[in-house]
């Protein structure tokens, strides 16, 4: 992130060294987390307005959420997203 046109912002809590192996299929666009993403798992600060992830699955209550749009699921395939496009 960088400023543009005189704008400013606060950037904090980002992971800037993510590796393709942290995702189910990074090159294919499936950015659901894998267990290899330990630097992002349970590392975010909870926010009261962010209770669900990209797949509309609940963020954990009473513990730290994962950094990013996806919350690692403990079992099973990721839930279907409401933002899919078929080609």
PDB file of N, CA and C in Angstrom:
ATOM      1  N   UNK A   1       0.845  -1.162   0.000  1.00  0.00           N
ATOM      2  CA  UNK A   1       0.000   0.000   0.000  1.00  0.00           C
ATOM      3  C   UNK A   1       0.892   1.227   0.000  1.00  0.00           C
ATOM      4  N   UNK A   2       0.507   2.195  -0.772  1.00  0.00           N
ATOM      5  CA  UNK A   2       1.229   3.454  -0.746  1.00  0.00           C
ATOM      6  C   UNK A   2       0.258   4.581  -1.011  1.00  0.00           C
ATOM      7  N   UNK A   3       0.645   5.750  -0.562  1.00  0.00           N
ATOM      8  CA  UNK A   3      -0.252   6.888  -0.719  1.00  0.00           C
ATOM      9  C   UNK A   3      -0.244   7.383  -2.158  1.00  0.00           C
ATOM     10  N   UNK A   4      -1.352   8.009  -2.528  1.00  0.00           N
ATOM     11  CA  UNK A   4      -1.493   8.528  -3.884  1.00  0.00           C
ATOM     12  C   UNK A   4      -2.371   9.760  -3.826  1.00  0.00           C
ATOM     13  N   UNK A   5      -2.078  10.720  -4.641  1.00  0.00           N
ATOM     14  CA  UNK A   5      -2.886  11.938  -4.758  1.00  0.00           C
ATOM     15  C   UNK A   5      -3.065  12.651  -3.412  1.00  0.00           C
ATOM     16  N   UNK A   6      -2.032  12.623  -2.578  1.00  0.00           N
ATOM     17  CA  UNK A   6      -2.077  13.315  -1.308  1.00  0.00           C
ATOM     18  C   UNK A   6      -2.820  12.590  -0.197  1.00  0.00           C
ATOM     19  N   UNK A   7      -3.308  11.395  -0.468  1.00  0.00           N
ATOM     20  CA  UNK A   7      -4.042  10.639   0.549  1.00  0.00           C
ATOM     21  C   UNK A   7      -3.077  10.026   1.557  1.00  0.00           C
ATOM     22  N   UNK A   8      -3.600   9.680   2.707  1.00  0.00           N
ATOM     23  CA  UNK A   8      -2.808   8.992   3.708  1.00  0.00           C
ATOM     24  C   UNK A   8      -3.677   7.933   4.361  1.00  0.00           C
ATOM     25  N   UNK A   9      -3.056   7.021   5.059  1.00  0.00           N
ATOM     26  CA  UNK A   9      -3.800   5.967   5.730  1.00  0.00           C
ATOM     27  C   UNK A   9      -2.926   5.285   6.753  1.00  0.00           C
ATOM     28  N   UNK A  10      -3.537   4.452   7.525  1.00  0.00           N
ATOM     29  CA  UNK A  10      -2.815   3.667   8.514  1.00  0.00           C
ATOM     30  C   UNK A  10      -2.837   2.220   8.061  1.00  0.00           C
ATOM     31  N   UNK A  11      -1.674   1.642   7.897  1.00  0.00           N
ATOM     32  CA  UNK A  11      -1.560   0.259   7.458  1.00  0.00           C
ATOM     33  C   UNK A  11      -0.910  -0.518   8.591  1.00  0.00           C
ATOM     34  N   UNK A  12      -1.599  -1.543   9.071  1.00  0.00           N
ATOM     35  CA  UNK A  12      -1.063  -2.344  10.167  1.00  0.00           C
ATOM     36  C   UNK A  12      -1.605  -3.763  10.071  1.00  0.00           C
ATOM     37  N   UNK A  13      -0.837  -4.701  10.547  1.00  0.00           N
ATOM     38  CA  UNK A  13      -1.292  -6.079  10.633  1.00  0.00           C
ATOM     39  C   UNK A  13      -1.270  -6.856   9.335  1.00  0.00           C
ATOM     40  N   UNK A  14      -0.619  -6.346   8.322  1.00  0.00           N
ATOM     41  CA  UNK A  14      -0.545  -7.054   7.045  1.00  0.00           C
ATOM     42  C   UNK A  14       0.578  -8.080   7.056  1.00  0.00           C
ATOM     43  N   UNK A  15       0.401  -9.133   6.276  1.00  0.00           N
ATOM     44  CA  UNK A  15       1.461 -10.107   6.040  1.00  0.00           C
ATOM     45  C   UNK A  15       1.995  -9.812   4.648  1.00  0.00           C
ATOM     46  N   UNK A  16       3.264  -9.466   4.555  1.00  0.00           N
ATOM     47  CA  UNK A  16       3.833  -9.068   3.261  1.00  0.00           C
ATOM     48  C   UNK A  16       4.737 -10.131   2.654  1.00  0.00           C
ATOM     49  N   UNK A  17       4.863 -11.274   3.298  1.00  0.00           N
ATOM     50  CA  UNK A  17       5.754 -12.316   2.787  1.00  0.00           C
ATOM     51  C   UNK A  17       5.009 -13.621   2.509  1.00  0.00           C
ATOM     52  N   UNK A  18       3.729 -13.543   2.159  1.00  0.00           N
ATOM     53  CA  UNK A  18       2.936 -14.744   1.888  1.00  0.00           C
ATOM     54  C   UNK A  18       3.555 -15.553   0.759  1.00  0.00           C
ATOM     55  N   UNK A  19       3.485 -16.855   0.898  1.00  0.00           N
ATOM     56  CA  UNK A  19       4.037 -17.787  -0.086  1.00  0.00           C
ATOM     57  C   UNK A  19       2.902 -18.527  -0.794  1.00  0.00           C
ATOM     58  N   UNK A  20       3.075 -18.943  -2.050  1.00  0.00           N
ATOM     59  CA  UNK A  20       2.015 -19.666  -2.758  1.00  0.00           C
ATOM     60  C   UNK A  20       1.522 -20.900  -2.001  1.00  0.00           C
ATOM     61  N   UNK A  21       2.402 -21.576  -1.275  1.00  0.00           N
ATOM     62  CA  UNK A  21       2.017 -22.775  -0.544  1.00  0.00           C
ATOM     63  C   UNK A  21       1.071 -22.521   0.625  1.00  0.00           C
ATOM     64  N   UNK A  22       0.860 -21.267   0.958  1.00  0.00           N
ATOM     65  CA  UNK A  22      -0.068 -20.928   2.035  1.00  0.00           C
ATOM     66  C   UNK A  22      -1.522 -21.023   1.579  1.00  0.00           C
ATOM     67  N   UNK A  23      -1.722 -21.161   0.265  1.00  0.00           N
ATOM     68  CA  UNK A  23      -3.065 -21.148  -0.310  1.00  0.00           C
ATOM     69  C   UNK A  23      -3.357 -22.464  -1.022  1.00  0.00           C
ATOM     70  N   UNK A  24      -4.640 -22.801  -1.119  1.00  0.00           N
ATOM     71  CA  UNK A  24      -5.050 -24.048  -1.764  1.00  0.00           C
ATOM     72  C   UNK A  24      -4.522 -24.111  -3.187  1.00  0.00           C
ATOM     73  N   UNK A  25      -4.695 -23.069  -3.973  1.00  0.00           N
ATOM     74  CA  UNK A  25      -4.195 -23.016  -5.356  1.00  0.00           C
ATOM     75  C   UNK A  25      -3.967 -21.554  -5.725  1.00  0.00           C
ATOM     76  N   UNK A  26      -2.848 -21.002  -5.266  1.00  0.00           N
ATOM     77  CA  UNK A  26      -2.570 -19.577  -5.475  1.00  0.00           C
ATOM     78  C   UNK A  26      -2.585 -19.210  -6.950  1.00  0.00           C
ATOM     79  N   UNK A  27      -1.959 -20.017  -7.796  1.00  0.00           N
ATOM     80  CA  UNK A  27      -1.864 -19.688  -9.221  1.00  0.00           C
ATOM     81  C   UNK A  27      -3.209 -19.825  -9.920  1.00  0.00           C
ATOM     82  N   UNK A  28      -4.076 -20.679  -9.402  1.00  0.00           N
ATOM     83  CA  UNK A  28      -5.403 -20.850  -9.981  1.00  0.00           C
ATOM     84  C   UNK A  28      -6.444 -19.913  -9.387  1.00  0.00           C
ATOM     85  N   UNK A  29      -6.046 -19.118  -8.392  1.00  0.00           N
ATOM     86  CA  UNK A  29      -6.944 -18.130  -7.811  1.00  0.00           C
ATOM     87  C   UNK A  29      -7.710 -18.601  -6.584  1.00  0.00           C
ATOM     88  N   UNK A  30      -7.428 -19.817  -6.088  1.00  0.00           N
ATOM     89  CA  UNK A  30      -8.095 -20.294  -4.875  1.00  0.00           C
ATOM     90  C   UNK A  30      -7.247 -19.880  -3.679  1.00  0.00           C
ATOM     91  N   UNK A  31      -7.596 -18.766  -3.073  1.00  0.00           N
ATOM     92  CA  UNK A  31      -6.801 -18.190  -1.994  1.00  0.00           C
ATOM     93  C   UNK A  31      -7.284 -18.597  -0.605  1.00  0.00           C
ATOM     94  N   UNK A  32      -7.969 -19.730  -0.509  1.00  0.00           N
ATOM     95  CA  UNK A  32      -8.305 -20.270   0.803  1.00  0.00           C
ATOM     96  C   UNK A  32      -7.013 -20.725   1.466  1.00  0.00           C
ATOM     97  N   UNK A  33      -6.895 -20.472   2.758  1.00  0.00           N
ATOM     98  CA  UNK A  33      -5.675 -20.799   3.488  1.00  0.00           C
ATOM     99  C   UNK A  33      -5.481 -22.298   3.676  1.00  0.00           C
ATOM    100  N   UNK A  34      -4.213 -22.687   3.755  1.00  0.00           N
ATOM    101  CA  UNK A  34      -3.846 -24.039   4.151  1.00  0.00           C
ATOM    102  C   UNK A  34      -3.153 -23.934   5.510  1.00  0.00           C
ATOM    103  N   UNK A  35      -2.909 -25.064   6.131  1.00  0.00           N
ATOM    104  CA  UNK A  35      -2.241 -25.074   7.431  1.00  0.00           C
ATOM    105  C   UNK A  35      -0.825 -24.507   7.344  1.00  0.00           C
ATOM    106  N   UNK A  36      -0.252 -24.428   6.144  1.00  0.00           N
ATOM    107  CA  UNK A  36       1.093 -23.881   5.963  1.00  0.00           C
ATOM    108  C   UNK A  36       1.158 -22.375   6.215  1.00  0.00           C
ATOM    109  N   UNK A  37       0.019 -21.719   6.303  1.00  0.00           N
ATOM    110  CA  UNK A  37      -0.034 -20.269   6.485  1.00  0.00           C
ATOM    111  C   UNK A  37       0.057 -19.888   7.958  1.00  0.00           C
ATOM    112  N   UNK A  38       0.930 -20.530   8.703  1.00  0.00           N
ATOM    113  CA  UNK A  38       0.994 -20.318  10.151  1.00  0.00           C
ATOM    114  C   UNK A  38       1.281 -18.864  10.539  1.00  0.00           C
ATOM    115  N   UNK A  39       1.949 -18.103   9.684  1.00  0.00           N
ATOM    116  CA  UNK A  39       2.228 -16.696   9.991  1.00  0.00           C
ATOM    117  C   UNK A  39       0.969 -15.833   9.912  1.00  0.00           C
ATOM    118  N   UNK A  40      -0.110 -16.370   9.331  1.00  0.00           N
ATOM    119  CA  UNK A  40      -1.366 -15.626   9.207  1.00  0.00           C
ATOM    120  C   UNK A  40      -2.481 -16.211  10.071  1.00  0.00           C
ATOM    121  N   UNK A  41      -2.325 -17.445  10.515  1.00  0.00           N
ATOM    122  CA  UNK A  41      -3.382 -18.138  11.257  1.00  0.00           C
ATOM    123  C   UNK A  41      -3.385 -17.678  12.716  1.00  0.00           C
ATOM    124  N   UNK A  42      -4.559 -17.256  13.169  1.00  0.00           N
ATOM    125  CA  UNK A  42      -4.751 -16.783  14.551  1.00  0.00           C
ATOM    126  C   UNK A  42      -3.828 -15.614  14.891  1.00  0.00           C
ATOM    127  N   UNK A  43      -3.606 -14.702  13.945  1.00  0.00           N
ATOM    128  CA  UNK A  43      -2.685 -13.578  14.165  1.00  0.00           C
ATOM    129  C   UNK A  43      -3.334 -12.204  14.023  1.00  0.00           C
ATOM    130  N   UNK A  44      -4.602 -12.146  13.615  1.00  0.00           N
ATOM    131  CA  UNK A  44      -5.249 -10.844  13.412  1.00  0.00           C
ATOM    132  C   UNK A  44      -5.884 -10.349  14.705  1.00  0.00           C
ATOM    133  N   UNK A  45      -6.071  -9.056  14.777  1.00  0.00           N
ATOM    134  CA  UNK A  45      -6.811  -8.479  15.888  1.00  0.00           C
ATOM    135  C   UNK A  45      -8.299  -8.510  15.532  1.00  0.00           C
ATOM    136  N   UNK A  46      -9.139  -9.023  16.406  1.00  0.00           N
ATOM    137  CA  UNK A  46     -10.574  -9.057  16.095  1.00  0.00           C
ATOM    138  C   UNK A  46     -11.140  -7.649  15.927  1.00  0.00           C
ATOM    139  N   UNK A  47     -12.129  -7.533  15.088  1.00  0.00           N
ATOM    140  CA  UNK A  47     -12.822  -6.262  14.885  1.00  0.00           C
ATOM    141  C   UNK A  47     -14.311  -6.534  15.041  1.00  0.00           C
ATOM    142  N   UNK A  48     -15.025  -5.746  15.824  1.00  0.00           N
ATOM    143  CA  UNK A  48     -16.432  -6.032  16.085  1.00  0.00           C
ATOM    144  C   UNK A  48     -17.324  -6.033  14.843  1.00  0.00           C
ATOM    145  N   UNK A  49     -16.914  -5.352  13.783  1.00  0.00           N
ATOM    146  CA  UNK A  49     -17.722  -5.306  12.559  1.00  0.00           C
ATOM    147  C   UNK A  49     -17.380  -6.421  11.572  1.00  0.00           C
ATOM    148  N   UNK A  50     -16.366  -7.214  11.878  1.00  0.00           N
ATOM    149  CA  UNK A  50     -15.942  -8.285  10.960  1.00  0.00           C
ATOM    150  C   UNK A  50     -16.147  -9.619  11.671  1.00  0.00           C
ATOM    151  N   UNK A  51     -17.323 -10.193  11.498  1.00  0.00           N
ATOM    152  CA  UNK A  51     -17.665 -11.431  12.184  1.00  0.00           C
ATOM    153  C   UNK A  51     -17.665 -12.638  11.257  1.00  0.00           C
ATOM    154  N   UNK A  52     -17.561 -12.396   9.951  1.00  0.00           N
ATOM    155  CA  UNK A  52     -17.564 -13.492   8.979  1.00  0.00           C
ATOM    156  C   UNK A  52     -16.447 -13.273   7.964  1.00  0.00           C
ATOM    157  N   UNK A  53     -15.982 -14.381   7.375  1.00  0.00           N
ATOM    158  CA  UNK A  53     -14.922 -14.267   6.383  1.00  0.00           C
ATOM    159  C   UNK A  53     -15.510 -14.152   4.980  1.00  0.00           C
ATOM    160  N   UNK A  54     -14.666 -14.246   3.979  1.00  0.00           N
ATOM    161  CA  UNK A  54     -15.061 -14.104   2.572  1.00  0.00           C
ATOM    162  C   UNK A  54     -16.143 -15.109   2.170  1.00  0.00           C
ATOM    163  N   UNK A  55     -16.098 -16.295   2.768  1.00  0.00           N
ATOM    164  CA  UNK A  55     -17.069 -17.346   2.465  1.00  0.00           C
ATOM    165  C   UNK A  55     -18.311 -17.260   3.349  1.00  0.00           C
ATOM    166  N   UNK A  56     -18.406 -16.169   4.093  1.00  0.00           N
ATOM    167  CA  UNK A  56     -19.511 -15.940   5.023  1.00  0.00           C
ATOM    168  C   UNK A  56     -19.515 -16.938   6.175  1.00  0.00           C
ATOM    169  N   UNK A  57     -18.352 -17.503   6.479  1.00  0.00           N
ATOM    170  CA  UNK A  57     -18.215 -18.384   7.624  1.00  0.00           C
ATOM    171  C   UNK A  57     -17.813 -17.541   8.828  1.00  0.00           C
ATOM    172  N   UNK A  58     -18.304 -17.921   9.999  1.00  0.00           N
ATOM    173  CA  UNK A  58     -18.068 -17.142  11.212  1.00  0.00           C
ATOM    174  C   UNK A  58     -16.586 -17.096  11.567  1.00  0.00           C
ATOM    175  N   UNK A  59     -16.133 -15.909  11.935  1.00  0.00           N
ATOM    176  CA  UNK A  59     -14.809 -15.759  12.531  1.00  0.00           C
ATOM    177  C   UNK A  59     -14.919 -16.295  13.960  1.00  0.00           C
ATOM    178  N   UNK A  60     -13.831 -16.780  14.538  1.00  0.00           N
ATOM    179  CA  UNK A  60     -13.929 -17.376  15.872  1.00  0.00           C
ATOM    180  C   UNK A  60     -14.272 -16.342  16.945  1.00  0.00           C
ATOM    181  N   UNK A  61     -15.180 -16.711  17.808  1.00  0.00           N
ATOM    182  CA  UNK A  61     -15.526 -15.834  18.938  1.00  0.00           C
ATOM    183  C   UNK A  61     -14.614 -16.198  20.099  1.00  0.00           C
ATOM    184  N   UNK A  62     -14.036 -15.199  20.718  1.00  0.00           N
ATOM    185  CA  UNK A  62     -13.209 -15.444  21.883  1.00  0.00           C
ATOM    186  C   UNK A  62     -11.781 -15.866  21.578  1.00  0.00           C
ATOM    187  N   UNK A  63     -11.394 -15.884  20.311  1.00  0.00           N
ATOM    188  CA  UNK A  63     -10.010 -16.176  19.948  1.00  0.00           C
ATOM    189  C   UNK A  63      -9.619 -15.296  18.766  1.00  0.00           C
ATOM    190  N   UNK A  64      -8.375 -15.354  18.378  1.00  0.00           N
ATOM    191  CA  UNK A  64      -7.888 -14.489  17.303  1.00  0.00           C
ATOM    192  C   UNK A  64      -8.274 -15.038  15.931  1.00  0.00           C
ATOM    193  N   UNK A  65      -8.745 -14.180  15.043  1.00  0.00           N
ATOM    194  CA  UNK A  65      -9.031 -14.604  13.674  1.00  0.00           C
ATOM    195  C   UNK A  65      -7.745 -14.675  12.852  1.00  0.00           C
ATOM    196  N   UNK A  66      -7.865 -15.271  11.677  1.00  0.00           N
ATOM    197  CA  UNK A  66      -6.736 -15.337  10.749  1.00  0.00           C
ATOM    198  C   UNK A  66      -6.622 -14.011  10.004  1.00  0.00           C
ATOM    199  N   UNK A  67      -5.409 -13.652   9.616  1.00  0.00           N
ATOM    200  CA  UNK A  67      -5.192 -12.452   8.814  1.00  0.00           C
ATOM    201  C   UNK A  67      -5.677 -12.732   7.397  1.00  0.00           C
ATOM    202  N   UNK A  68      -6.398 -11.800   6.830  1.00  0.00           N
ATOM    203  CA  UNK A  68      -6.864 -11.933   5.459  1.00  0.00           C
ATOM    204  C   UNK A  68      -8.357 -12.187   5.369  1.00  0.00           C
ATOM    205  N   UNK A  69      -8.826 -12.416   4.155  1.00  0.00           N
ATOM    206  CA  UNK A  69     -10.255 -12.567   3.905  1.00  0.00           C
ATOM    207  C   UNK A  69     -10.789 -13.928   4.308  1.00  0.00           C
ATOM    208  N   UNK A  70      -9.913 -14.941   4.388  1.00  0.00           N
ATOM    209  CA  UNK A  70     -10.355 -16.307   4.666  1.00  0.00           C
ATOM    210  C   UNK A  70      -9.968 -16.754   6.058  1.00  0.00           C
ATOM    211  N   UNK A  71     -10.843 -17.494   6.689  1.00  0.00           N
ATOM    212  CA  UNK A  71     -10.562 -18.136   7.968  1.00  0.00           C
ATOM    213  C   UNK A  71     -10.317 -19.616   7.673  1.00  0.00           C
ATOM    214  N   UNK A  72      -9.171 -20.129   8.100  1.00  0.00           N
ATOM    215  CA  UNK A  72      -8.844 -21.535   7.848  1.00  0.00           C
ATOM    216  C   UNK A  72      -9.902 -22.421   8.480  1.00  0.00           C
ATOM    217  N   UNK A  73     -10.423 -23.339   7.691  1.00  0.00           N
ATOM    218  CA  UNK A  73     -11.393 -24.304   8.204  1.00  0.00           C
ATOM    219  C   UNK A  73     -10.639 -25.485   8.787  1.00  0.00           C
ATOM    220  N   UNK A  74     -11.139 -26.010   9.884  1.00  0.00           N
ATOM    221  CA  UNK A  74     -10.456 -27.126  10.525  1.00  0.00           C
ATOM    222  C   UNK A  74     -10.670 -28.432   9.784  1.00  0.00           C
ATOM    223  N   UNK A  75     -11.748 -28.568   9.039  1.00  0.00           N
ATOM    224  CA  UNK A  75     -12.007 -29.815   8.312  1.00  0.00           C
ATOM    225  C   UNK A  75     -12.904 -29.538   7.116  1.00  0.00           C
ATOM    226  N   UNK A  76     -12.760 -30.350   6.102  1.00  0.00           N
ATOM    227  CA  UNK A  76     -13.628 -30.283   4.942  1.00  0.00           C
ATOM    228  C   UNK A  76     -13.235 -29.208   3.957  1.00  0.00           C
ATOM    229  N   UNK A  77     -13.854 -29.234   2.783  1.00  0.00           N
ATOM    230  CA  UNK A  77     -13.552 -28.236   1.754  1.00  0.00           C
ATOM    231  C   UNK A  77     -14.142 -26.887   2.120  1.00  0.00           C
ATOM    232  N   UNK A  78     -13.630 -25.825   1.513  1.00  0.00           N
ATOM    233  CA  UNK A  78     -14.186 -24.501   1.792  1.00  0.00           C
ATOM    234  C   UNK A  78     -15.628 -24.406   1.314  1.00  0.00           C
ATOM    235  N   UNK A  79     -16.395 -23.589   1.977  1.00  0.00           N
ATOM    236  CA  UNK A  79     -17.774 -23.360   1.570  1.00  0.00           C
ATOM    237  C   UNK A  79     -17.782 -22.576   0.262  1.00  0.00           C
ATOM    238  N   UNK A  80     -18.849 -22.726  -0.500  1.00  0.00           N
ATOM    239  CA  UNK A  80     -18.973 -21.998  -1.759  1.00  0.00           C
ATOM    240  C   UNK A  80     -19.106 -20.517  -1.478  1.00  0.00           C
ATOM    241  N   UNK A  81     -18.415 -19.714  -2.268  1.00  0.00           N
ATOM    242  CA  UNK A  81     -18.459 -18.270  -2.132  1.00  0.00           C
ATOM    243  C   UNK A  81     -19.638 -17.724  -2.913  1.00  0.00           C
ATOM    244  N   UNK A  82     -20.155 -16.600  -2.483  1.00  0.00           N
ATOM    245  CA  UNK A  82     -21.234 -15.946  -3.214  1.00  0.00           C
ATOM    246  C   UNK A  82     -20.710 -15.111  -4.364  1.00  0.00           C
ATOM    247  N   UNK A  83     -19.405 -15.126  -4.633  1.00  0.00           N
ATOM    248  CA  UNK A  83     -18.803 -14.283  -5.663  1.00  0.00           C
ATOM    249  C   UNK A  83     -18.146 -15.103  -6.767  1.00  0.00           C
ATOM    250  N   UNK A  84     -18.699 -16.256  -7.094  1.00  0.00           N
ATOM    251  CA  UNK A  84     -18.090 -17.109  -8.115  1.00  0.00           C
ATOM    252  C   UNK A  84     -18.476 -16.658  -9.509  1.00  0.00           C
ATOM    253  N   UNK A  85     -17.562 -16.856 -10.461  1.00  0.00           N
ATOM    254  CA  UNK A  85     -17.844 -16.598 -11.867  1.00  0.00           C
ATOM    255  C   UNK A  85     -17.482 -17.855 -12.646  1.00  0.00           C
ATOM    256  N   UNK A  86     -18.382 -18.303 -13.500  1.00  0.00           N
ATOM    257  CA  UNK A  86     -18.112 -19.472 -14.337  1.00  0.00           C
ATOM    258  C   UNK A  86     -17.798 -18.992 -15.748  1.00  0.00           C
ATOM    259  N   UNK A  87     -16.793 -19.639 -16.329  1.00  0.00           N
ATOM    260  CA  UNK A  87     -16.394 -19.241 -17.694  1.00  0.00           C
ATOM    261  C   UNK A  87     -16.610 -20.396 -18.641  1.00  0.00           C
TER     262      UNK A  87
END
